[in-house]
Protein backbone atom coordinates (compact mmCIF):
# COMPACT_ATOMS: atom_id res chain seq x y z
CA MET A 1 -11.02 42.29 -15.36
CA THR A 2 -10.81 38.56 -17.36
CA THR A 3 -9.51 36.02 -15.10
CA THR A 4 -7.47 33.24 -16.77
CA ARG A 5 -8.12 29.64 -15.45
CA CYS A 6 -4.69 28.02 -14.69
CA TYR A 7 -3.48 24.45 -13.65
CA LEU A 8 -1.00 23.80 -10.93
CA ALA A 9 -0.46 20.16 -9.91
CA ASN A 10 -0.57 19.52 -6.24
CA ASP A 11 1.54 16.11 -6.17
CA THR A 12 4.20 15.72 -3.66
CA SER A 13 6.90 15.69 -6.02
CA SER A 14 5.35 18.86 -7.89
CA ARG A 15 5.38 20.70 -4.66
CA ALA A 16 8.91 19.67 -3.87
CA ALA A 17 10.14 21.27 -7.37
CA GLY A 18 8.46 24.55 -6.31
CA ALA A 19 4.78 24.04 -7.29
CA GLU A 20 3.72 25.50 -3.42
CA ARG A 21 5.96 28.62 -3.32
CA LEU A 22 4.51 29.43 -6.94
CA ALA A 23 0.55 28.80 -5.51
CA GLU A 24 1.86 30.91 -2.56
CA ALA A 25 3.07 33.88 -4.49
CA TRP A 26 0.07 33.85 -6.72
CA SER A 27 -2.63 33.69 -3.77
CA GLY A 28 -5.28 36.29 -3.97
CA ARG A 29 -3.88 37.39 -7.66
CA PRO A 30 -7.28 38.41 -9.38
CA GLU A 31 -6.09 37.69 -12.75
CA ILE A 32 -6.02 33.94 -12.24
CA GLN A 33 -8.29 31.46 -10.84
CA LEU A 34 -5.41 28.63 -9.79
CA ILE A 35 -6.93 24.76 -10.44
CA ARG A 36 -4.84 22.39 -8.27
CA THR A 37 -4.81 19.22 -10.33
CA SER A 38 -2.95 15.85 -10.24
CA SER A 39 0.54 15.64 -11.79
CA ARG A 40 1.75 14.63 -15.56
CA GLY A 41 4.43 13.19 -14.17
CA ALA A 42 7.00 15.43 -16.11
CA PHE A 43 9.20 16.38 -13.48
CA PHE A 44 11.81 17.96 -15.16
CA LEU A 45 9.43 20.48 -15.92
CA GLU A 46 8.16 21.54 -12.71
CA PRO A 47 6.84 23.47 -11.65
CA MET A 48 4.60 23.54 -14.94
CA VAL A 49 1.71 25.74 -15.35
CA GLU A 50 -0.97 25.29 -17.46
CA ARG A 51 -3.92 27.39 -18.91
CA ASP A 52 -7.15 26.21 -21.42
CA THR A 53 -6.63 27.67 -25.18
CA PRO A 54 -9.16 27.30 -28.15
CA LYS A 55 -6.75 24.84 -29.30
CA GLY A 56 -6.20 22.91 -26.08
CA ARG A 57 -4.26 23.07 -22.92
CA GLU A 58 -0.63 25.21 -23.25
CA ALA A 59 2.11 24.47 -20.67
CA TRP A 60 4.77 26.64 -19.46
CA PHE A 61 7.64 24.93 -17.88
CA ASN A 62 9.97 25.43 -14.84
CA VAL A 63 7.92 28.61 -13.93
CA ALA A 64 8.85 31.35 -11.62
CA PRO A 65 6.60 33.71 -9.61
CA ASP A 66 7.30 36.72 -12.08
CA ASP A 67 6.28 34.42 -15.17
CA LEU A 68 2.76 35.02 -14.53
CA PRO A 69 2.41 38.07 -16.76
CA LEU A 70 3.43 35.79 -19.92
CA ILE A 71 0.94 32.83 -18.97
CA VAL A 72 -2.05 35.33 -18.57
CA GLY A 73 -0.78 37.01 -21.92
CA GLY A 74 -0.60 33.50 -23.46
CA VAL A 75 2.93 34.17 -24.44
CA GLY A 76 5.95 31.11 -24.58
CA GLY A 77 3.39 28.50 -24.05
CA THR A 78 3.82 24.82 -25.55
CA PRO A 79 0.96 22.99 -26.51
CA VAL A 80 0.83 19.98 -23.97
CA ALA A 81 -0.01 17.63 -26.83
CA GLU A 82 3.13 18.54 -28.55
CA ILE A 83 5.79 17.75 -25.30
CA PRO A 84 7.37 14.96 -26.41
CA PHE A 85 8.07 13.41 -23.14
CA LEU A 86 3.72 13.06 -22.79
CA GLN A 87 3.59 12.77 -26.52
CA GLN A 88 5.25 9.51 -26.99
CA GLN A 89 3.49 7.61 -24.27
CA THR A 90 0.45 5.57 -24.19
CA ARG A 91 -1.67 6.24 -21.07
CA PHE A 92 -4.72 4.13 -19.80
CA THR A 93 -4.01 3.80 -15.79
CA PHE A 94 -2.50 7.55 -15.66
CA ALA A 95 -4.75 9.04 -18.46
CA ASN A 96 -6.24 11.37 -16.00
CA PHE A 97 -3.28 12.74 -14.74
CA GLY A 98 -2.66 16.67 -15.07
CA MET A 99 -6.39 16.45 -16.23
CA THR A 100 -8.81 16.55 -13.32
CA GLU A 101 -8.86 17.73 -9.47
CA PRO A 102 -7.77 14.58 -7.71
CA LEU A 103 -10.97 14.73 -5.04
CA ALA A 104 -13.61 15.84 -7.72
CA LEU A 105 -15.48 12.72 -8.01
CA ASP A 106 -17.71 14.49 -10.72
CA GLU A 107 -14.43 15.09 -12.93
CA TYR A 108 -13.21 11.28 -12.41
CA GLN A 109 -16.68 10.19 -13.80
CA SER A 110 -16.75 12.83 -16.41
CA ARG A 111 -13.61 11.06 -18.03
CA GLY A 112 -14.87 7.52 -17.82
CA GLY A 113 -14.71 6.66 -14.01
CA LEU A 114 -16.74 4.06 -12.45
CA LYS A 115 -17.37 2.40 -16.21
CA GLY A 116 -15.62 -0.42 -15.10
CA LEU A 117 -17.65 -0.88 -11.77
CA ALA A 118 -20.65 -0.50 -13.75
CA ALA A 119 -19.54 -3.27 -16.06
CA ALA A 120 -18.46 -5.29 -13.11
CA ARG A 121 -22.04 -5.22 -11.48
CA SER A 122 -23.64 -6.39 -14.47
CA LEU A 123 -21.24 -9.61 -14.68
CA SER A 124 -21.29 -12.48 -11.98
CA PRO A 125 -18.32 -12.99 -9.83
CA GLU A 126 -17.05 -16.05 -12.21
CA ALA A 127 -17.18 -13.59 -15.17
CA ILE A 128 -15.32 -10.77 -13.64
CA VAL A 129 -12.61 -13.57 -13.10
CA GLU A 130 -12.84 -14.62 -16.55
CA GLU A 131 -12.20 -10.87 -18.14
CA LEU A 132 -9.44 -11.14 -15.67
CA ARG A 133 -7.75 -14.04 -17.38
CA ILE A 134 -8.42 -13.02 -20.94
CA SER A 135 -6.69 -10.18 -20.00
CA ARG A 136 -3.46 -11.99 -18.95
CA LEU A 137 -2.95 -9.03 -16.17
CA ARG A 138 0.27 -10.09 -14.07
CA GLY A 139 0.71 -8.17 -10.72
CA ARG A 140 2.96 -5.05 -11.25
CA GLY A 141 4.95 -5.99 -8.39
CA GLY A 142 8.24 -8.40 -7.82
CA ALA A 143 6.17 -11.36 -8.30
CA ALA A 144 4.24 -10.82 -11.36
CA PHE A 145 1.73 -13.52 -10.90
CA PRO A 146 -1.30 -13.91 -12.90
CA VAL A 147 -4.20 -11.67 -10.91
CA TRP A 148 -6.85 -13.73 -12.15
CA LYS A 149 -5.56 -16.77 -10.39
CA LYS A 150 -5.22 -15.45 -7.09
CA TRP A 151 -8.99 -14.09 -7.28
CA GLN A 152 -10.27 -17.52 -8.40
CA VAL A 153 -8.63 -19.17 -5.30
CA ALA A 154 -10.01 -16.42 -2.79
CA GLN A 155 -13.24 -16.76 -4.75
CA GLN A 156 -13.82 -20.65 -4.48
CA THR A 157 -12.35 -20.44 -1.04
CA LYS A 158 -15.68 -20.56 1.46
CA SER A 159 -15.26 -18.25 4.01
CA GLU A 160 -17.88 -15.60 6.05
CA GLN A 161 -15.42 -13.11 5.53
CA LYS A 162 -12.80 -11.91 2.87
CA TYR A 163 -10.63 -8.75 2.50
CA VAL A 164 -9.08 -6.82 -0.18
CA VAL A 165 -5.92 -5.47 1.01
CA ALA A 166 -4.02 -2.52 -1.15
CA ASN A 167 -0.36 -2.76 -0.63
CA ALA A 168 0.83 0.93 -0.44
CA ASP A 169 4.10 0.52 1.30
CA GLU A 170 5.75 1.67 -2.03
CA GLY A 171 9.37 1.16 -0.46
CA ASP A 172 11.81 0.93 -3.63
CA ALA A 173 14.21 3.64 -4.08
CA GLY A 174 13.07 5.69 -7.14
CA THR A 175 9.47 4.51 -7.22
CA TYR A 176 6.25 6.52 -6.91
CA CYS A 177 3.51 5.60 -9.13
CA ASP A 178 1.80 4.29 -6.35
CA ARG A 179 1.84 7.39 -4.39
CA MET A 180 0.81 9.44 -7.37
CA ILE A 181 -2.12 7.11 -7.98
CA MET A 182 -3.29 7.64 -4.24
CA GLU A 183 -2.67 11.45 -4.12
CA GLY A 184 -3.61 12.21 -8.02
CA ASP A 185 -6.47 9.50 -8.66
CA PRO A 186 -7.75 8.06 -5.62
CA PHE A 187 -11.42 6.94 -6.84
CA ARG A 188 -9.57 4.93 -9.57
CA LEU A 189 -7.70 2.70 -6.63
CA ILE A 190 -11.26 2.71 -4.55
CA GLU A 191 -13.13 1.30 -8.06
CA GLY A 192 -10.30 -1.26 -8.73
CA MET A 193 -10.70 -2.69 -5.12
CA PHE A 194 -14.31 -2.44 -5.18
CA ILE A 195 -14.01 -4.45 -8.22
CA CYS A 196 -12.12 -7.14 -6.50
CA ALA A 197 -14.53 -7.16 -3.93
CA ARG A 198 -17.31 -7.94 -5.95
CA ALA A 199 -15.33 -10.90 -7.37
CA ILE A 200 -14.27 -12.40 -4.43
CA GLY A 201 -17.29 -11.62 -2.02
CA ALA A 202 -15.42 -9.42 0.10
CA THR A 203 -17.10 -7.14 2.71
CA ARG A 204 -13.85 -5.31 3.86
CA GLY A 205 -10.65 -3.53 2.38
CA TYR A 206 -7.42 -1.86 3.79
CA ILE A 207 -4.89 0.41 2.49
CA TYR A 208 -1.73 -0.39 4.16
CA CYS A 209 0.15 3.10 3.24
CA ARG A 210 3.77 3.84 3.72
CA TYR A 211 4.36 5.97 6.70
CA GLU A 212 5.99 8.55 4.48
CA TYR A 213 3.12 9.33 2.52
CA PRO A 214 1.02 11.66 4.60
CA ALA A 215 -0.59 13.62 1.78
CA ALA A 216 -1.25 10.22 0.01
CA ALA A 217 -2.91 8.86 3.33
CA ARG A 218 -5.08 11.94 3.69
CA ALA A 219 -6.07 11.89 -0.08
CA MET A 220 -7.47 8.51 0.16
CA ARG A 221 -9.31 9.03 3.51
CA PHE A 222 -10.67 12.04 1.96
CA ALA A 223 -11.77 9.90 -1.35
CA ILE A 224 -13.10 6.94 0.86
CA GLN A 225 -15.80 9.09 2.89
CA LYS A 226 -16.72 11.09 -0.29
CA ALA A 227 -17.33 7.50 -1.81
CA ARG A 228 -19.56 6.72 0.99
CA GLU A 229 -21.36 9.82 0.98
CA GLU A 230 -22.08 9.06 -2.70
CA ASP A 231 -23.20 5.52 -1.99
CA LEU A 232 -20.52 4.30 -4.24
CA LEU A 233 -19.33 1.61 -1.57
CA ASP A 234 -22.93 -0.09 -1.41
CA CYS A 235 -22.49 -3.54 -3.20
CA ASP A 236 -26.14 -4.86 -3.82
CA ASP A 237 -26.56 -7.39 -1.05
CA TYR A 238 -23.67 -6.69 1.44
CA PRO A 239 -21.91 -3.51 2.40
CA PHE A 240 -18.12 -2.78 1.34
CA ASP A 241 -16.13 -0.35 3.30
CA LEU A 242 -12.40 0.71 2.84
CA GLU A 243 -9.98 2.02 5.71
CA VAL A 244 -6.46 3.55 5.53
CA VAL A 245 -3.64 1.93 7.79
CA ILE A 246 -0.35 3.24 8.19
CA GLY A 247 2.63 1.64 8.36
CA ALA A 248 5.58 2.08 10.44
CA GLY A 249 8.35 2.22 7.78
CA SER A 250 9.52 -1.36 7.45
CA TYR A 251 10.68 -2.05 4.18
CA VAL A 252 9.89 -5.59 4.45
CA CYS A 253 6.08 -5.10 5.00
CA GLY A 254 6.06 -4.88 1.12
CA GLU A 255 6.06 -8.54 1.14
CA GLU A 256 2.30 -9.65 1.61
CA THR A 257 2.59 -11.84 4.84
CA ALA A 258 4.73 -9.49 6.67
CA LEU A 259 2.15 -6.51 5.92
CA LEU A 260 -0.69 -8.83 6.96
CA GLU A 261 1.32 -9.37 10.12
CA SER A 262 1.53 -5.86 10.62
CA LEU A 263 -2.13 -5.21 9.60
CA GLU A 264 -3.07 -7.28 12.53
CA GLY A 265 -0.90 -4.98 14.96
CA ARG A 266 2.17 -7.44 15.14
CA ARG A 267 5.65 -6.92 14.29
CA GLY A 268 6.02 -7.32 10.40
CA VAL A 269 7.89 -10.55 9.73
CA VAL A 270 7.15 -12.79 6.98
CA LEU A 271 5.80 -16.11 7.17
CA ALA A 272 6.16 -19.29 5.68
CA LYS A 273 3.95 -20.33 2.29
CA PRO A 274 1.86 -22.21 1.98
CA PRO A 275 -0.79 -21.25 3.06
CA TYR A 276 -1.23 -18.24 0.43
CA PRO A 277 -3.24 -15.07 1.73
CA ALA A 278 -5.76 -15.88 -1.05
CA GLU A 279 -6.67 -18.79 1.23
CA SER A 280 -5.60 -18.11 4.49
CA GLY A 281 -4.59 -14.18 5.00
CA LEU A 282 -5.72 -11.47 7.23
CA TYR A 283 -7.25 -12.84 10.37
CA GLY A 284 -6.97 -16.26 8.79
CA LYS A 285 -9.45 -15.34 5.98
CA PRO A 286 -9.14 -15.53 2.31
CA THR A 287 -7.58 -11.92 1.64
CA ILE A 288 -6.22 -10.57 -2.14
CA VAL A 289 -3.16 -8.30 -1.55
CA SER A 290 -2.13 -6.41 -4.72
CA ASN A 291 -0.13 -3.30 -5.01
CA VAL A 292 -1.73 -0.24 -5.85
CA LEU A 293 -0.94 0.20 -9.48
CA THR A 294 -2.60 -3.56 -9.99
CA PHE A 295 -5.81 -2.25 -8.48
CA ALA A 296 -5.34 0.86 -10.47
CA THR A 297 -5.09 -1.14 -13.64
CA ILE A 298 -8.50 -3.21 -13.08
CA PRO A 299 -10.93 -0.48 -13.84
CA SER A 300 -9.61 -0.25 -17.54
CA ILE A 301 -9.85 -3.55 -17.76
CA LEU A 302 -13.54 -4.11 -16.68
CA ALA A 303 -14.57 -0.77 -19.15
CA ARG A 304 -12.61 -2.02 -22.20
CA GLY A 305 -12.84 -5.61 -21.77
CA GLY A 306 -10.11 -8.40 -21.07
CA ALA A 307 -9.24 -8.62 -25.00
CA TRP A 308 -8.34 -4.98 -25.32
CA HIS A 309 -5.94 -5.10 -22.57
CA ALA A 310 -4.53 -8.29 -23.73
CA SER A 311 -3.85 -6.59 -27.24
CA LEU A 312 -1.24 -4.48 -25.56
CA GLY A 313 2.52 -5.39 -25.03
CA THR A 314 4.39 -8.57 -25.39
CA GLU A 315 3.44 -12.26 -25.28
CA ASP A 316 3.84 -12.75 -21.77
CA SER A 317 3.75 -9.39 -20.61
CA ARG A 318 0.27 -7.95 -21.54
CA GLY A 319 -0.79 -4.09 -21.12
CA THR A 320 1.21 -1.15 -19.83
CA MET A 321 3.85 -0.68 -17.55
CA ALA A 322 4.30 2.56 -15.05
CA LEU A 323 8.07 3.19 -15.20
CA GLN A 324 9.73 5.90 -13.15
CA LEU A 325 13.16 7.36 -14.26
CA GLY A 326 15.04 8.73 -11.70
CA GLY A 327 18.98 8.95 -10.83
CA ARG A 328 21.15 11.10 -13.07
CA VAL A 329 18.91 11.13 -16.51
CA LYS A 330 18.38 14.36 -17.81
CA GLN A 331 14.30 13.97 -17.60
CA PRO A 332 13.27 12.27 -14.62
CA GLY A 333 9.59 11.47 -14.29
CA LEU A 334 6.80 8.66 -14.83
CA VAL A 335 6.51 6.85 -18.33
CA GLU A 336 3.26 4.56 -18.81
CA ILE A 337 3.88 2.59 -22.36
CA PRO A 338 3.11 -0.97 -23.45
CA PHE A 339 5.62 -3.66 -22.31
CA GLY A 340 8.38 -4.23 -24.85
CA LEU A 341 10.45 -1.15 -25.70
CA THR A 342 14.26 -1.74 -24.85
CA LEU A 343 15.94 -0.39 -21.75
CA ARG A 344 17.91 1.99 -24.01
CA ASP A 345 15.27 3.51 -25.72
CA VAL A 346 13.30 4.18 -22.31
CA LEU A 347 16.33 5.92 -21.19
CA ASP A 348 16.89 7.67 -24.53
CA ARG A 349 13.46 8.45 -25.62
CA PHE A 350 11.98 9.57 -22.49
CA GLY A 351 14.93 10.03 -19.80
CA GLY A 352 16.59 12.13 -22.53
CA GLY A 353 20.01 10.62 -21.97
CA MET A 354 22.25 11.48 -18.90
CA ALA A 355 21.83 14.75 -17.31
CA PRO A 356 24.48 17.56 -18.31
CA GLY A 357 28.23 16.52 -17.56
CA SER A 358 27.56 13.25 -16.42
CA ARG A 359 28.20 9.90 -18.65
CA PHE A 360 25.97 6.61 -18.28
CA LYS A 361 27.91 3.71 -16.12
CA ALA A 362 24.95 1.73 -14.81
CA VAL A 363 21.14 1.57 -14.41
CA GLN A 364 19.41 -0.26 -11.63
CA VAL A 365 15.74 -1.63 -12.52
CA GLY A 366 13.22 -2.81 -9.95
CA GLY A 367 14.51 -0.97 -6.49
CA PRO A 368 17.32 -1.87 -4.19
CA LEU A 369 17.01 -5.42 -4.98
CA GLY A 370 17.52 -5.27 -8.65
CA SER A 371 20.23 -6.12 -11.17
CA LEU A 372 22.73 -3.48 -12.33
CA PHE A 373 22.82 -3.32 -16.12
CA PRO A 374 26.07 -1.74 -17.78
CA GLU A 375 25.87 -0.33 -21.35
CA SER A 376 26.18 -3.72 -23.09
CA LYS A 377 22.97 -5.03 -21.78
CA LEU A 378 20.45 -1.89 -22.41
CA ASP A 379 18.98 -3.51 -25.62
CA ILE A 380 17.07 -6.10 -23.21
CA PRO A 381 13.03 -5.42 -23.69
CA VAL A 382 11.32 -4.11 -21.13
CA CYS A 383 8.95 -7.05 -19.79
CA TYR A 384 8.89 -9.85 -17.25
CA ASP A 385 9.96 -12.63 -18.80
CA ALA A 386 12.93 -10.97 -20.44
CA PHE A 387 14.16 -9.64 -17.20
CA ALA A 388 14.09 -13.02 -15.69
CA LYS A 389 16.08 -15.00 -18.42
CA ALA A 390 18.68 -12.11 -17.69
CA GLY A 391 18.66 -12.79 -14.11
CA ALA A 392 16.84 -9.66 -13.44
CA ILE A 393 13.33 -8.19 -11.92
CA LEU A 394 11.24 -5.35 -13.62
CA GLY A 395 9.70 -5.27 -9.69
CA HIS A 396 7.68 -2.27 -9.57
CA GLY A 397 9.18 -0.34 -12.49
CA GLY A 398 11.58 2.04 -10.84
CA ILE A 399 14.74 2.88 -12.95
CA VAL A 400 17.57 4.76 -11.62
CA ALA A 401 20.70 5.59 -13.55
CA TYR A 402 24.20 6.03 -12.38
CA ASP A 403 27.17 8.00 -13.82
CA ASP A 404 30.72 7.23 -14.03
CA GLU A 405 31.65 8.94 -10.78
CA THR A 406 29.66 5.94 -9.13
CA ASN A 407 31.98 4.01 -6.85
CA MET A 408 30.46 0.23 -7.53
CA VAL A 409 31.97 -1.19 -4.34
CA GLU A 410 30.36 1.31 -2.33
CA LEU A 411 27.07 1.04 -4.22
CA ALA A 412 27.09 -2.65 -3.67
CA ARG A 413 27.95 -2.19 0.42
CA HIS A 414 25.21 0.44 0.32
CA PHE A 415 22.56 -2.02 -0.97
CA MET A 416 23.88 -5.09 1.14
CA ALA A 417 23.64 -2.83 3.97
CA PHE A 418 19.95 -1.67 3.39
CA THR A 419 19.20 -5.59 3.47
CA ALA A 420 20.83 -5.90 6.78
CA ASP A 421 19.18 -2.99 8.30
CA GLU A 422 15.60 -4.08 6.96
CA SER A 423 15.70 -7.68 7.16
CA CYS A 424 13.00 -8.92 9.60
CA GLY A 425 15.50 -11.45 11.12
CA LYS A 426 12.85 -14.85 10.51
CA CYS A 427 15.31 -16.50 8.52
CA THR A 428 19.31 -17.01 9.11
CA PRO A 429 20.25 -16.59 5.33
CA CYS A 430 18.83 -12.98 5.26
CA ARG A 431 19.45 -12.12 9.02
CA ILE A 432 23.20 -13.44 9.17
CA GLY A 433 24.07 -13.45 5.30
CA SER A 434 23.25 -9.81 4.71
CA VAL A 435 25.37 -8.74 7.56
CA ARG A 436 28.20 -10.88 6.63
CA GLY A 437 28.11 -9.50 2.92
CA ARG A 438 28.10 -6.09 4.18
CA GLU A 439 31.29 -6.71 6.40
CA ILE A 440 33.04 -8.43 3.21
CA LEU A 441 32.55 -5.65 1.37
CA GLU A 442 33.67 -3.04 4.03
CA HIS A 443 36.75 -5.43 4.27
CA ILE A 444 37.41 -4.79 0.59
CA GLN A 445 36.90 -1.06 0.81
CA ALA A 446 39.42 -0.99 3.22
CA GLY A 447 42.09 -2.58 1.41
CA GLU A 448 41.89 -5.84 3.46
CA GLY A 449 40.19 -8.13 1.00
CA THR A 450 41.55 -10.83 -0.93
CA ALA A 451 40.55 -12.65 -4.12
CA GLU A 452 38.99 -15.35 -1.50
CA SER A 453 36.74 -12.71 -0.14
CA LEU A 454 35.52 -12.05 -3.83
CA ASN A 455 34.76 -16.05 -4.10
CA LEU A 456 33.06 -16.19 -0.45
CA LEU A 457 31.02 -12.89 -1.37
CA ARG A 458 29.85 -14.92 -4.82
CA GLU A 459 28.88 -17.75 -2.40
CA LEU A 460 27.03 -15.98 -0.01
CA GLY A 461 24.86 -14.65 -2.65
CA GLU A 462 24.23 -17.86 -4.47
CA THR A 463 23.27 -19.14 -0.91
CA MET A 464 21.13 -16.09 0.01
CA LYS A 465 19.03 -16.53 -3.37
CA ALA A 466 18.48 -20.42 -2.86
CA THR A 467 17.46 -20.19 0.75
CA SER A 468 16.03 -16.95 1.63
CA LEU A 469 12.22 -17.02 2.89
CA CYS A 470 11.48 -14.22 0.80
CA ALA A 471 12.35 -11.80 -1.92
CA LEU A 472 14.35 -9.32 0.64
CA GLY A 473 17.12 -11.86 1.03
CA GLY A 474 16.72 -13.75 -1.76
CA ARG A 475 17.25 -10.82 -4.18
CA ALA A 476 19.64 -8.91 -1.61
CA SER A 477 22.63 -10.49 -3.74
CA TYR A 478 21.46 -9.36 -7.39
CA PRO A 479 22.94 -5.82 -6.94
CA VAL A 480 26.30 -7.12 -5.20
CA LEU A 481 26.70 -9.91 -7.81
CA THR A 482 25.73 -8.13 -11.16
CA ALA A 483 28.41 -5.36 -9.89
CA MET A 484 30.93 -7.89 -9.60
CA GLU A 485 30.28 -9.38 -12.58
CA HIS A 486 30.05 -6.01 -15.09
CA PHE A 487 32.65 -3.99 -12.85
CA PRO A 488 35.19 -6.58 -11.84
CA ASN A 489 38.21 -4.29 -11.91
CA GLU A 490 36.84 -1.91 -9.03
CA PHE A 491 36.33 -4.69 -6.75
CA ARG A 492 39.94 -6.14 -7.80
CA SER A 493 41.67 -2.80 -7.28
CA LYS A 494 40.37 -2.76 -3.84
CA LEU A 495 42.29 -6.34 -2.72
CA SER A 496 44.97 -5.91 -0.52
CA ALA A 497 48.76 -5.72 -2.09
CA PHE A 498 49.39 -9.65 -1.28
CA SER A 499 46.57 -10.67 -2.97
CA SER A 500 47.04 -8.91 -6.05
CA GLN A 501 50.73 -10.71 -6.19
CA GLN A 502 48.99 -14.22 -5.82
């Protein structure tokens, strides 16, 4: 009997969509060899099964166990290269996804892995930083700070010990690209962190992994052990080693100083800056803290050159961005494209528009602290500076669409309550302001609010923006204020009858 080689994603989202049930149903079937791969990120097509053909991979979508004869017989498949959702993307950081077994180091190398590290080993630390300066890479998180500047500060700060820390505490609703990298291409993260270690002179690294990501933590630990066995972590004249540390579920530990406090074994509380971690971070030593996506972008830059990366995107946002589509879109999934496409194009071209039976109302970009955009604002380009000018944040690239059944007052209350629950309590504007904001919105919901309540909510939001210690308090009012701005009638309709007569 001829055995057909088939590929099925082992990603957490793919498993949740039915991939694991499919694997169990086909276990022991002699007609197929089932290979568990990383996911292509087209979650609306999962479980998706692929097989090799003379013309390349073909795929079957939303597969059920009884579909196996069709797959083995090659009936009804779609060439992967012709899937519109994937065909229109420009993938570099996620180029391996769907193609390789995540923990197979030889496959990672066969597809260009470790070329960036090899290039870094041929350069001086100063030359590595210079390549990043040329690349104009900005951190793929909320602050979008130029990466080379952080590396240069850490490099030039004298210390007998330095650290590299990957922020894998991916807590924004609707984001999952860091998890996908750790589960699906863990050696890319290791390579990016190792390049950073060479550039700044670090000998120790930590991956601070979100508590809710057990599969990602297991994959990273396995990959780190494999890297040790293959001597990949030998750094010429000094050793470099990595460790995975699990967080305790605190959202505020996504902020770098709170993360480092937690990493040292203390309660995750935001610290005032300066000093910045690049000068005095973990245990008071120079430390580079970046999210997983940022580190995973580094290997391609060193392998291809900084000028290559700078040739992609817009004037002030270079390279590609991983966008994660969720909510009421027809096609949820991961998209990697150069900066510059409009938000409307992203939702239509990749999201496929709204889910059947629903109409668009608003979209939130940048997690629970992100602004809400109505339909009239969808022509904004997806890049850091355009979002900043619009009073919004791109953040980690999470995009969540809401339909016309969404209650915007309740949504605003939900986000302010989230901040009240997650505040570390260090500063008064966030600790007290978020609770007062939640209370005001609850009064409005109960029909007890007045026009003055709305004015007070605006003033409170502006105060939190201006005076909070970190982005949690500083951006907590973004979704509330933009909901009030773009959907004022929903808030006015909740005010008391007495107020409406004034």
